[in-house]
Amino acid sequence: MTAHHRATPIYYREHECFERFRIGPEGGRLGTANFPSVHLTCEEVQTNDGWPFDCIDETAIEIAAGQSATFHWTGLLYEPQQMPIACAAQPDNPFAEDCPRAVAVQPGAFEIALELFGAATCEGGLCSSPIDPFTVEQGFTYPDDTAVAIAVD
């Protein structure tokens, strides 16, 4: 959960096209933990006959001053893999040669980095084109910490 303490709104990107946060072992490399829904994992490339189109969604979600947002993590990190084209359901699938494989993490100390934005273009209740990116980070212990609060000051 992100607790927003600024006097002005902040924004995050819609999940369809962009990962919202990265997670990794404390002091280690942060990895893809929030897999965008338009991408395919290696397992999906092996079973799906189609694939998503290019993603151009620039939707931004507002977190009003004093409000919070909740993000969920499944306990998986996604590692890039090269899969033999013969394993793909469709040999011309562009995700086959560079697809992520979901890997369950072992218990331990982790860090989360959440990408947020200081501004966006908003008209009629819809926001897009977020700008002024910044990252907030927080340590936690997996699986002991079932909720992690990240303060945005």
C-alpha atoms as a PDB file:
ATOM      1  CA  MET A   1       0.000   0.000   0.000  1.00  0.00           C
ATOM      2  CA  THR A   2       1.159   3.515  -0.797  1.00  0.00           C
ATOM      3  CA  ALA A   3       0.255   6.240   1.712  1.00  0.00           C
ATOM      4  CA  HIS A   4       0.357   9.647   0.011  1.00  0.00           C
ATOM      5  CA  HIS A   5       1.315  12.564   2.298  1.00  0.00           C
ATOM      6  CA  ARG A   6       1.927  15.288  -0.297  1.00  0.00           C
ATOM      7  CA  ALA A   7      -0.364  18.296  -0.753  1.00  0.00           C
ATOM      8  CA  THR A   8      -0.856  17.592  -4.479  1.00  0.00           C
ATOM      9  CA  PRO A   9      -1.938  14.453  -6.367  1.00  0.00           C
ATOM     10  CA  ILE A  10       0.543  11.842  -7.584  1.00  0.00           C
ATOM     11  CA  TYR A  11       0.019   9.253 -10.325  1.00  0.00           C
ATOM     12  CA  TYR A  12       0.919   5.736 -11.367  1.00  0.00           C
ATOM     13  CA  ARG A  13       0.591   4.027 -14.737  1.00  0.00           C
ATOM     14  CA  GLU A  14      -2.209   1.663 -15.630  1.00  0.00           C
ATOM     15  CA  HIS A  15      -1.061  -1.953 -15.292  1.00  0.00           C
ATOM     16  CA  GLU A  16      -1.975  -3.115 -18.795  1.00  0.00           C
ATOM     17  CA  CYS A  17       1.171  -1.831 -20.511  1.00  0.00           C
ATOM     18  CA  PHE A  18       3.697  -1.041 -17.772  1.00  0.00           C
ATOM     19  CA  GLU A  19       5.035  -2.678 -14.656  1.00  0.00           C
ATOM     20  CA  ARG A  20       4.235  -0.585 -11.605  1.00  0.00           C
ATOM     21  CA  PHE A  21       6.874  -1.901  -9.244  1.00  0.00           C
ATOM     22  CA  ARG A  22      10.030  -3.997  -9.084  1.00  0.00           C
ATOM     23  CA  ILE A  23      11.128  -6.309  -6.266  1.00  0.00           C
ATOM     24  CA  GLY A  24      14.430  -7.952  -5.445  1.00  0.00           C
ATOM     25  CA  PRO A  25      16.497  -9.369  -2.609  1.00  0.00           C
ATOM     26  CA  GLU A  26      17.753  -6.737  -0.174  1.00  0.00           C
ATOM     27  CA  GLY A  27      20.915  -5.212  -1.652  1.00  0.00           C
ATOM     28  CA  GLY A  28      20.439  -7.171  -4.893  1.00  0.00           C
ATOM     29  CA  ARG A  29      19.058  -6.547  -8.367  1.00  0.00           C
ATOM     30  CA  LEU A  30      15.408  -5.551  -8.593  1.00  0.00           C
ATOM     31  CA  GLY A  31      13.381  -7.737 -10.937  1.00  0.00           C
ATOM     32  CA  THR A  32      10.058  -7.679 -12.710  1.00  0.00           C
ATOM     33  CA  ALA A  33       7.426  -8.504 -10.116  1.00  0.00           C
ATOM     34  CA  ASN A  34       4.361  -6.781 -11.543  1.00  0.00           C
ATOM     35  CA  PHE A  35       4.028  -8.339 -14.994  1.00  0.00           C
ATOM     36  CA  PRO A  36       2.066  -6.147 -17.466  1.00  0.00           C
ATOM     37  CA  SER A  37      -1.072  -7.878 -18.686  1.00  0.00           C
ATOM     38  CA  VAL A  38      -0.335  -7.357 -22.405  1.00  0.00           C
ATOM     39  CA  HIS A  39       2.932  -9.304 -22.261  1.00  0.00           C
ATOM     40  CA  LEU A  40       3.170 -13.078 -22.456  1.00  0.00           C
ATOM     41  CA  THR A  41       5.134 -15.394 -20.208  1.00  0.00           C
ATOM     42  CA  CYS A  42       7.002 -18.341 -21.743  1.00  0.00           C
ATOM     43  CA  GLU A  43       4.219 -20.628 -20.545  1.00  0.00           C
ATOM     44  CA  GLU A  44       1.625 -18.493 -22.353  1.00  0.00           C
ATOM     45  CA  VAL A  45       3.713 -18.418 -25.547  1.00  0.00           C
ATOM     46  CA  GLN A  46       3.687 -22.221 -25.512  1.00  0.00           C
ATOM     47  CA  THR A  47      -0.109 -22.450 -25.249  1.00  0.00           C
ATOM     48  CA  ASN A  48      -1.597 -19.316 -26.901  1.00  0.00           C
ATOM     49  CA  ASP A  49      -2.173 -19.176 -30.630  1.00  0.00           C
ATOM     50  CA  GLY A  50      -2.129 -15.376 -30.627  1.00  0.00           C
ATOM     51  CA  TRP A  51      -0.335 -12.540 -28.940  1.00  0.00           C
ATOM     52  CA  PRO A  52      -1.201  -8.989 -27.884  1.00  0.00           C
ATOM     53  CA  PHE A  53      -0.722  -6.007 -30.118  1.00  0.00           C
ATOM     54  CA  ASP A  54       1.745  -3.227 -29.342  1.00  0.00           C
ATOM     55  CA  CYS A  55       0.756  -1.310 -26.277  1.00  0.00           C
ATOM     56  CA  ILE A  56       0.281   2.446 -26.528  1.00  0.00           C
ATOM     57  CA  ASP A  57      -1.840   3.029 -23.419  1.00  0.00           C
ATOM     58  CA  GLU A  58      -0.698   6.076 -21.462  1.00  0.00           C
ATOM     59  CA  THR A  59      -3.439   5.904 -18.813  1.00  0.00           C
ATOM     60  CA  ALA A  60      -2.443   7.355 -15.457  1.00  0.00           C
ATOM     61  CA  ILE A  61      -4.271   6.682 -12.199  1.00  0.00           C
ATOM     62  CA  GLU A  62      -4.464   9.521  -9.672  1.00  0.00           C
ATOM     63  CA  ILE A  63      -3.769   9.149  -5.963  1.00  0.00           C
ATOM     64  CA  ALA A  64      -5.277  12.253  -4.388  1.00  0.00           C
ATOM     65  CA  ALA A  65      -3.509  14.059  -1.556  1.00  0.00           C
ATOM     66  CA  GLY A  66      -4.025  12.170   1.707  1.00  0.00           C
ATOM     67  CA  GLN A  67      -5.267   9.019  -0.064  1.00  0.00           C
ATOM     68  CA  SER A  68      -3.578   5.649  -0.623  1.00  0.00           C
ATOM     69  CA  ALA A  69      -3.396   2.969  -3.303  1.00  0.00           C
ATOM     70  CA  THR A  70      -2.999  -0.779  -2.933  1.00  0.00           C
ATOM     71  CA  PHE A  71      -0.864  -2.980  -5.174  1.00  0.00           C
ATOM     72  CA  HIS A  72      -0.716  -6.770  -5.029  1.00  0.00           C
ATOM     73  CA  TRP A  73       2.251  -9.105  -5.533  1.00  0.00           C
ATOM     74  CA  THR A  74       1.945 -12.844  -6.147  1.00  0.00           C
ATOM     75  CA  GLY A  75       5.375 -13.799  -4.730  1.00  0.00           C
ATOM     76  CA  LEU A  76       6.743 -14.344  -8.246  1.00  0.00           C
ATOM     77  CA  LEU A  77       9.581 -12.670 -10.126  1.00  0.00           C
ATOM     78  CA  TYR A  78       9.808 -12.887 -13.921  1.00  0.00           C
ATOM     79  CA  GLU A  79      13.182 -13.822 -15.395  1.00  0.00           C
ATOM     80  CA  PRO A  80      13.895 -13.319 -19.111  1.00  0.00           C
ATOM     81  CA  GLN A  81      14.371 -16.546 -21.051  1.00  0.00           C
ATOM     82  CA  GLN A  82      15.135 -17.524 -24.619  1.00  0.00           C
ATOM     83  CA  MET A  83      12.726 -20.235 -25.646  1.00  0.00           C
ATOM     84  CA  PRO A  84      13.262 -22.402 -28.739  1.00  0.00           C
ATOM     85  CA  ILE A  85      10.844 -21.265 -31.454  1.00  0.00           C
ATOM     86  CA  ALA A  86       9.680 -24.892 -31.796  1.00  0.00           C
ATOM     87  CA  CYS A  87       8.156 -24.672 -28.299  1.00  0.00           C
ATOM     88  CA  ALA A  88       5.841 -21.792 -29.255  1.00  0.00           C
ATOM     89  CA  ALA A  89       2.222 -22.488 -30.197  1.00  0.00           C
ATOM     90  CA  GLN A  90       2.812 -20.161 -33.168  1.00  0.00           C
ATOM     91  CA  PRO A  91       6.346 -20.100 -34.628  1.00  0.00           C
ATOM     92  CA  ASP A  92       6.027 -16.433 -35.621  1.00  0.00           C
ATOM     93  CA  ASN A  93       5.159 -15.280 -32.093  1.00  0.00           C
ATOM     94  CA  PRO A  94       7.436 -12.282 -31.393  1.00  0.00           C
ATOM     95  CA  PHE A  95       7.537 -13.107 -27.653  1.00  0.00           C
ATOM     96  CA  ALA A  96       9.082 -16.570 -28.171  1.00  0.00           C
ATOM     97  CA  GLU A  97      12.716 -15.469 -28.319  1.00  0.00           C
ATOM     98  CA  ASP A  98      12.479 -13.167 -25.304  1.00  0.00           C
ATOM     99  CA  CYS A  99       9.819 -14.320 -22.878  1.00  0.00           C
ATOM    100  CA  PRO A 100       9.790 -14.134 -19.090  1.00  0.00           C
ATOM    101  CA  ARG A 101       9.452 -17.206 -16.892  1.00  0.00           C
ATOM    102  CA  ALA A 102       7.712 -16.894 -13.532  1.00  0.00           C
ATOM    103  CA  VAL A 103       9.877 -18.011 -10.585  1.00  0.00           C
ATOM    104  CA  ALA A 104       8.688 -18.259  -6.971  1.00  0.00           C
ATOM    105  CA  VAL A 105      10.971 -16.422  -4.546  1.00  0.00           C
ATOM    106  CA  GLN A 106      12.414 -17.956  -1.407  1.00  0.00           C
ATOM    107  CA  PRO A 107      11.632 -16.404   1.991  1.00  0.00           C
ATOM    108  CA  GLY A 108      13.906 -13.564   3.014  1.00  0.00           C
ATOM    109  CA  ALA A 109      14.577  -9.819   3.083  1.00  0.00           C
ATOM    110  CA  PHE A 110      13.426  -7.919  -0.001  1.00  0.00           C
ATOM    111  CA  GLU A 111      13.093  -4.392  -1.349  1.00  0.00           C
ATOM    112  CA  ILE A 112      10.269  -2.954  -3.413  1.00  0.00           C
ATOM    113  CA  ALA A 113      10.657   0.034  -5.742  1.00  0.00           C
ATOM    114  CA  LEU A 114       7.453   1.723  -6.892  1.00  0.00           C
ATOM    115  CA  GLU A 115       7.473   4.146  -9.837  1.00  0.00           C
ATOM    116  CA  LEU A 116       5.204   7.168  -9.395  1.00  0.00           C
ATOM    117  CA  PHE A 117       4.717  10.467 -11.220  1.00  0.00           C
ATOM    118  CA  GLY A 118       4.369  14.017  -9.955  1.00  0.00           C
ATOM    119  CA  ALA A 119       2.015  15.174 -12.722  1.00  0.00           C
ATOM    120  CA  ALA A 120      -0.241  14.001 -15.544  1.00  0.00           C
ATOM    121  CA  THR A 121      -2.616  15.492 -18.088  1.00  0.00           C
ATOM    122  CA  CYS A 122      -6.166  15.124 -16.759  1.00  0.00           C
ATOM    123  CA  GLU A 123      -9.382  16.053 -18.549  1.00  0.00           C
ATOM    124  CA  GLY A 124     -12.915  15.022 -17.667  1.00  0.00           C
ATOM    125  CA  GLY A 125     -11.792  12.601 -14.953  1.00  0.00           C
ATOM    126  CA  LEU A 126      -9.338  10.725 -17.230  1.00  0.00           C
ATOM    127  CA  CYS A 127      -5.592  11.131 -16.815  1.00  0.00           C
ATOM    128  CA  SER A 128      -2.799  10.283 -19.253  1.00  0.00           C
ATOM    129  CA  SER A 129       0.792  11.066 -20.184  1.00  0.00           C
ATOM    130  CA  PRO A 130       2.348  10.975 -16.701  1.00  0.00           C
ATOM    131  CA  ILE A 131       5.506  13.090 -16.267  1.00  0.00           C
ATOM    132  CA  ASP A 132       7.997  13.923 -13.533  1.00  0.00           C
ATOM    133  CA  PRO A 133       8.771  10.296 -12.515  1.00  0.00           C
ATOM    134  CA  PHE A 134      10.142   9.391  -9.113  1.00  0.00           C
ATOM    135  CA  THR A 135      10.678   6.126  -7.260  1.00  0.00           C
ATOM    136  CA  VAL A 136       9.890   5.242  -3.665  1.00  0.00           C
ATOM    137  CA  GLU A 137      11.479   2.208  -2.011  1.00  0.00           C
ATOM    138  CA  GLN A 138      10.756   0.112   1.047  1.00  0.00           C
ATOM    139  CA  GLY A 139      12.268  -3.009   2.603  1.00  0.00           C
ATOM    140  CA  PHE A 140      10.140  -5.956   3.734  1.00  0.00           C
ATOM    141  CA  THR A 141      10.395  -9.597   4.744  1.00  0.00           C
ATOM    142  CA  TYR A 142       8.717 -12.216   2.565  1.00  0.00           C
ATOM    143  CA  PRO A 143       6.398 -13.975   3.369  1.00  0.00           C
ATOM    144  CA  ASP A 144       6.104 -12.566   6.915  1.00  0.00           C
ATOM    145  CA  ASP A 145       5.072  -9.039   5.887  1.00  0.00           C
ATOM    146  CA  THR A 146       1.635  -9.526   4.373  1.00  0.00           C
ATOM    147  CA  ALA A 147       1.195  -5.772   3.849  1.00  0.00           C
ATOM    148  CA  VAL A 148       3.919  -3.199   3.236  1.00  0.00           C
ATOM    149  CA  ALA A 149       3.198   0.527   3.650  1.00  0.00           C
ATOM    150  CA  ILE A 150       5.273   2.864   1.505  1.00  0.00           C
ATOM    151  CA  ALA A 151       5.114   6.521   2.560  1.00  0.00           C
ATOM    152  CA  VAL A 152       5.239   9.177  -0.150  1.00  0.00           C
ATOM    153  CA  ASP A 153       6.325  12.437   1.429  1.00  0.00           C
END
